[in-house]
C-alpha atoms as a PDB file:
ATOM      1  CA  MET A   1     186.596 227.852  -5.224  1.00  0.00           C
ATOM      2  CA  ALA A   2     187.867 231.387  -4.800  1.00  0.00           C
ATOM      3  CA  ALA A   3     187.099 232.257  -8.450  1.00  0.00           C
ATOM      4  CA  ASP A   4     183.323 232.601  -7.616  1.00  0.00           C
ATOM      5  CA  ILE A   5     183.793 234.638  -4.483  1.00  0.00           C
ATOM      6  CA  TYR A   6     183.570 238.419  -4.421  1.00  0.00           C
ATOM      7  CA  VAL A   7     184.749 240.929  -1.781  1.00  0.00           C
ATOM      8  CA  ALA A   8     183.003 244.223  -1.049  1.00  0.00           C
ATOM      9  CA  VAL A   9     185.323 247.130  -1.741  1.00  0.00           C
ATOM     10  CA  GLU A  10     183.309 249.730   0.161  1.00  0.00           C
ATOM     11  CA  SER A  11     180.682 249.860   2.874  1.00  0.00           C
ATOM     12  CA  VAL A  12     177.023 250.797   1.966  1.00  0.00           C
ATOM     13  CA  LEU A  13     173.481 250.456   3.274  1.00  0.00           C
ATOM     14  CA  THR A  14     171.313 248.937   0.617  1.00  0.00           C
ATOM     15  CA  GLU A  15     168.074 246.945   0.221  1.00  0.00           C
ATOM     16  CA  VAL A  16     167.960 243.307  -0.579  1.00  0.00           C
ATOM     17  CA  ASP A  17     164.634 241.426  -1.058  1.00  0.00           C
ATOM     18  CA  GLY A  18     162.840 244.279   0.750  1.00  0.00           C
ATOM     19  CA  GLU A  19     165.119 244.399   3.796  1.00  0.00           C
ATOM     20  CA  ASN A  20     167.849 246.910   4.716  1.00  0.00           C
ATOM     21  CA  VAL A  21     171.322 245.302   4.610  1.00  0.00           C
ATOM     22  CA  TYR A  22     174.570 246.988   5.587  1.00  0.00           C
ATOM     23  CA  ILE A  23     177.487 245.659   3.410  1.00  0.00           C
ATOM     24  CA  THR A  24     180.804 246.229   5.129  1.00  0.00           C
ATOM     25  CA  ALA A  25     183.989 246.570   3.122  1.00  0.00           C
ATOM     26  CA  GLY A  26     185.709 243.169   3.132  1.00  0.00           C
ATOM     27  CA  GLN A  27     182.587 241.057   3.364  1.00  0.00           C
ATOM     28  CA  THR A  28     182.337 238.268   0.829  1.00  0.00           C
ATOM     29  CA  ALA A  29     179.538 236.839  -1.350  1.00  0.00           C
ATOM     30  CA  ARG A  30     179.498 233.894  -3.684  1.00  0.00           C
ATOM     31  CA  ALA A  31     178.639 234.431  -7.362  1.00  0.00           C
ATOM     32  CA  GLY A  32     174.798 234.319  -7.908  1.00  0.00           C
ATOM     33  CA  HIS A  33     173.916 235.617  -4.459  1.00  0.00           C
ATOM     34  CA  PRO A  34     171.170 238.350  -4.546  1.00  0.00           C
ATOM     35  CA  ILE A  35     173.456 240.784  -2.752  1.00  0.00           C
ATOM     36  CA  LEU A  36     175.518 241.094  -5.873  1.00  0.00           C
ATOM     37  CA  GLU A  37     172.640 241.841  -8.358  1.00  0.00           C
ATOM     38  CA  GLY A  38     172.798 245.475  -9.348  1.00  0.00           C
ATOM     39  CA  ARG A  39     175.721 246.060  -6.995  1.00  0.00           C
ATOM     40  CA  GLU A  40     178.510 244.570  -9.031  1.00  0.00           C
ATOM     41  CA  ALA A  41     180.581 247.788  -8.785  1.00  0.00           C
ATOM     42  CA  LEU A  42     180.686 247.416  -4.963  1.00  0.00           C
ATOM     43  CA  PHE A  43     182.530 244.078  -5.247  1.00  0.00           C
ATOM     44  CA  GLU A  44     185.668 242.761  -6.809  1.00  0.00           C
ATOM     45  CA  PRO A  45     186.815 239.126  -7.355  1.00  0.00           C
ATOM     46  CA  PHE A  46     188.386 237.566  -4.183  1.00  0.00           C
ATOM     47  CA  LYS A  47     192.197 237.323  -4.490  1.00  0.00           C
ATOM     48  CA  VAL A  48     193.945 234.424  -2.655  1.00  0.00           C
ATOM     49  CA  ASP A  49     197.277 235.427  -1.167  1.00  0.00           C
ATOM     50  CA  TYR A  50     198.451 231.906  -0.208  1.00  0.00           C
ATOM     51  CA  GLU A  51     197.450 229.107  -2.526  1.00  0.00           C
ATOM     52  CA  VAL A  52     198.036 225.464  -1.730  1.00  0.00           C
ATOM     53  CA  GLY A  53     201.342 224.445  -3.362  1.00  0.00           C
ATOM     54  CA  ASP A  54     202.656 227.929  -3.524  1.00  0.00           C
ATOM     55  CA  ASP A  55     206.005 228.607  -1.779  1.00  0.00           C
ATOM     56  CA  ALA A  56     205.719 232.400  -1.829  1.00  0.00           C
ATOM     57  CA  PRO A  57     202.829 234.757  -1.142  1.00  0.00           C
ATOM     58  CA  ALA A  58     201.068 236.423  -4.104  1.00  0.00           C
ATOM     59  CA  GLU A  59     202.739 239.649  -5.327  1.00  0.00           C
ATOM     60  CA  ALA A  60     201.926 242.334  -2.811  1.00  0.00           C
ATOM     61  CA  VAL A  61     200.913 245.850  -3.941  1.00  0.00           C
ATOM     62  CA  ALA A  62     203.784 248.256  -3.708  1.00  0.00           C
ATOM     63  CA  PRO A  63     203.340 250.598  -0.698  1.00  0.00           C
ATOM     64  CA  GLU A  64     202.432 254.193  -1.271  1.00  0.00           C
ATOM     65  CA  ALA A  65     204.863 256.994  -0.423  1.00  0.00           C
ATOM     66  CA  GLY A  66     204.929 257.751   3.338  1.00  0.00           C
ATOM     67  CA  GLY A  67     205.120 254.201   4.542  1.00  0.00           C
ATOM     68  CA  GLY A  68     202.046 252.967   2.717  1.00  0.00           C
ATOM     69  CA  LEU A  69     199.520 254.432   5.220  1.00  0.00           C
ATOM     70  CA  PRO A  70     196.579 256.213   3.673  1.00  0.00           C
ATOM     71  CA  LYS A  71     196.584 260.030   4.194  1.00  0.00           C
ATOM     72  CA  GLY A  72     195.336 261.090   7.554  1.00  0.00           C
ATOM     73  CA  ASN A  73     192.266 262.646   6.011  1.00  0.00           C
ATOM     74  CA  ALA A  74     191.549 259.651   3.690  1.00  0.00           C
ATOM     75  CA  SER A  75     188.085 258.308   3.622  1.00  0.00           C
ATOM     76  CA  LEU A  76     186.776 255.787   6.095  1.00  0.00           C
ATOM     77  CA  GLN A  77     186.557 253.281   3.209  1.00  0.00           C
ATOM     78  CA  GLU A  78     190.259 253.777   2.384  1.00  0.00           C
ATOM     79  CA  TRP A  79     191.259 253.232   6.000  1.00  0.00           C
ATOM     80  CA  GLN A  80     189.007 250.165   6.215  1.00  0.00           C
ATOM     81  CA  ALA A  81     190.546 248.682   2.951  1.00  0.00           C
ATOM     82  CA  TYR A  82     194.043 249.357   4.423  1.00  0.00           C
ATOM     83  CA  ALA A  83     193.134 247.803   7.839  1.00  0.00           C
ATOM     84  CA  LEU A  84     191.673 244.689   6.107  1.00  0.00           C
ATOM     85  CA  ALA A  85     194.798 244.309   4.136  1.00  0.00           C
ATOM     86  CA  HIS A  86     196.855 244.604   7.295  1.00  0.00           C
ATOM     87  CA  GLY A  87     195.209 242.058   9.512  1.00  0.00           C
ATOM     88  CA  LEU A  88     191.989 243.527  11.019  1.00  0.00           C
ATOM     89  CA  THR A  89     188.733 241.738  10.265  1.00  0.00           C
ATOM     90  CA  ALA A  90     185.434 243.322   9.063  1.00  0.00           C
ATOM     91  CA  GLU A  91     184.037 242.523  12.502  1.00  0.00           C
ATOM     92  CA  GLU A  92     186.752 244.409  14.295  1.00  0.00           C
ATOM     93  CA  LEU A  93     186.416 247.369  11.921  1.00  0.00           C
ATOM     94  CA  GLU A  94     182.582 247.708  12.002  1.00  0.00           C
ATOM     95  CA  PRO A  95     182.401 249.869  15.220  1.00  0.00           C
ATOM     96  CA  LEU A  96     185.541 251.907  14.584  1.00  0.00           C
ATOM     97  CA  THR A  97     185.601 255.398  13.137  1.00  0.00           C
ATOM     98  CA  ARG A  98     188.191 256.530  10.569  1.00  0.00           C
ATOM     99  CA  ASP A  99     190.157 258.234  13.256  1.00  0.00           C
ATOM    100  CA  GLN A 100     190.283 255.175  15.461  1.00  0.00           C
ATOM    101  CA  ILE A 101     191.472 253.011  12.606  1.00  0.00           C
ATOM    102  CA  ARG A 102     194.140 255.666  11.675  1.00  0.00           C
ATOM    103  CA  ASP A 103     195.282 255.926  15.292  1.00  0.00           C
ATOM    104  CA  HIS A 104     195.502 252.091  15.511  1.00  0.00           C
ATOM    105  CA  PHE A 105     197.945 251.963  12.561  1.00  0.00           C
ATOM    106  CA  SER A 106     199.776 255.274  13.459  1.00  0.00           C
ATOM    107  CA  GLN A 107     200.922 254.068  16.895  1.00  0.00           C
ATOM    108  CA  PRO A 108     204.600 252.968  17.007  1.00  0.00           C
ATOM    109  CA  GLY A 109     205.322 249.292  17.608  1.00  0.00           C
END
């Protein structure tokens, strides 16, 4: 059930059970997993966009001024969040810099 799944809203290097773990924005964890303990502010509840039986997608967030793109000098985390919301996966984003993500979405067509 999606109600017990949480999505990381930012990337961070942390320690879980004595081991270093890199949490990437967009990664998910189920309620009760040790990765969530003490890191609740890094996660938000997972939101399903297309539910079984729904005819229309969930209400989309209104785009920001300027076509909805983050500002060119926005943080890596802002660009990662935008990229995740626009079709890239966490695995695709992991090796990319902020400028590479920005350039990917700034290219026409």
